Protein backbone atom coordinates (compact mmCIF):
# COMPACT_ATOMS: atom_id res chain seq x y z
CA MET A 1 87.93 287.05 100.11
CA ASN A 2 84.52 288.81 99.75
CA PRO A 3 82.12 288.82 102.63
CA PRO A 4 78.90 286.84 101.66
CA ALA A 5 75.44 288.85 100.51
CA PRO A 6 73.00 289.64 102.90
CA ALA A 7 70.12 287.03 102.41
CA PRO A 8 66.84 288.01 101.82
CA VAL A 9 64.86 289.29 104.52
CA PRO A 10 61.89 286.09 104.59
CA ASP A 11 59.45 287.41 107.03
CA ALA A 12 58.83 291.24 105.44
CA THR A 13 55.15 291.84 105.87
CA CYS A 14 53.33 294.16 102.98
CA PRO A 15 52.02 297.02 105.11
CA ARG A 16 49.24 297.58 102.48
CA CYS A 17 47.64 294.14 102.15
CA GLY A 18 49.07 292.48 105.07
CA GLY A 19 50.90 289.04 103.28
CA ALA A 20 54.08 287.95 104.10
CA PHE A 21 56.79 288.17 101.05
CA ALA A 22 60.99 287.54 100.90
CA CYS A 23 62.33 291.19 100.48
CA GLY A 24 65.65 291.07 98.39
CA ALA A 25 65.95 294.67 98.33
CA GLN A 26 68.95 294.30 101.76
CA ALA A 27 70.48 291.52 99.43
CA GLY A 28 70.78 293.54 96.85
CA ARG A 29 68.36 292.44 94.38
CA CYS A 30 64.86 292.12 94.63
CA ASP A 31 62.03 291.92 91.45
CA CYS A 32 60.49 294.82 92.68
CA PHE A 33 63.59 296.90 91.33
CA ASP A 34 62.27 295.86 87.57
CA LEU A 35 59.22 297.81 88.09
CA ARG A 36 58.63 300.95 87.00
CA LEU A 37 56.89 303.85 89.09
CA THR A 38 56.07 307.11 88.55
CA ASP A 39 58.22 309.39 90.70
CA ALA A 40 54.84 310.41 92.11
CA LEU A 41 53.80 306.99 93.21
CA ARG A 42 57.00 306.62 94.59
CA ALA A 43 56.42 309.70 96.82
CA GLU A 44 52.90 308.79 97.31
CA LEU A 45 53.71 305.16 99.10
CA ALA A 46 56.99 306.64 100.99
CA ALA A 47 54.36 309.05 102.69
CA ARG A 48 51.67 306.15 103.05
CA TYR A 49 53.91 303.01 104.03
CA SER A 50 56.89 302.33 106.05
CA GLY A 51 58.34 299.47 104.50
CA CYS A 52 58.92 297.43 101.83
CA LEU A 53 55.61 296.55 99.53
CA CYS A 54 55.02 292.96 98.29
CA LEU A 55 55.32 292.53 94.83
CA PRO A 56 51.86 291.93 93.55
CA CYS A 57 50.75 295.54 95.50
CA LEU A 58 53.66 296.78 93.63
CA ARG A 59 52.62 295.78 90.08
CA GLU A 60 49.02 296.92 90.85
CA LEU A 61 49.52 300.28 91.94
CA ALA A 62 51.96 300.77 89.08
CA ALA A 63 49.68 299.57 86.56
CA ALA A 64 46.70 301.57 88.35
CA SER A 65 49.07 305.02 88.08
CA MET A 66 49.62 304.30 84.88
CA THR A 67 45.76 304.57 83.80
CA PRO A 68 44.50 307.46 83.17
CA PRO A 69 41.62 308.55 85.32
C-alpha cells in the first residue's frame, strides 16, 4: 500500500500581497504548475521572496513579464 500523498498547505501566506492561500506544491500538484514563468522572472522571484506566492500574484507577475517595456 502506498503512503497517502501530502495534503496542500492550507495556511500559506503570500510574501508579496500577504494573502492566505492553499499551496499544493508539497502535495505534488498545484495550480501554479500550469503557469509559464520566464527563467529571468523565476530568478527574480527567488531572490526577492522566500516561499510560494499566491496564484493571483504569480499570474499578475507572469503577465507583466510578457509585456514589452
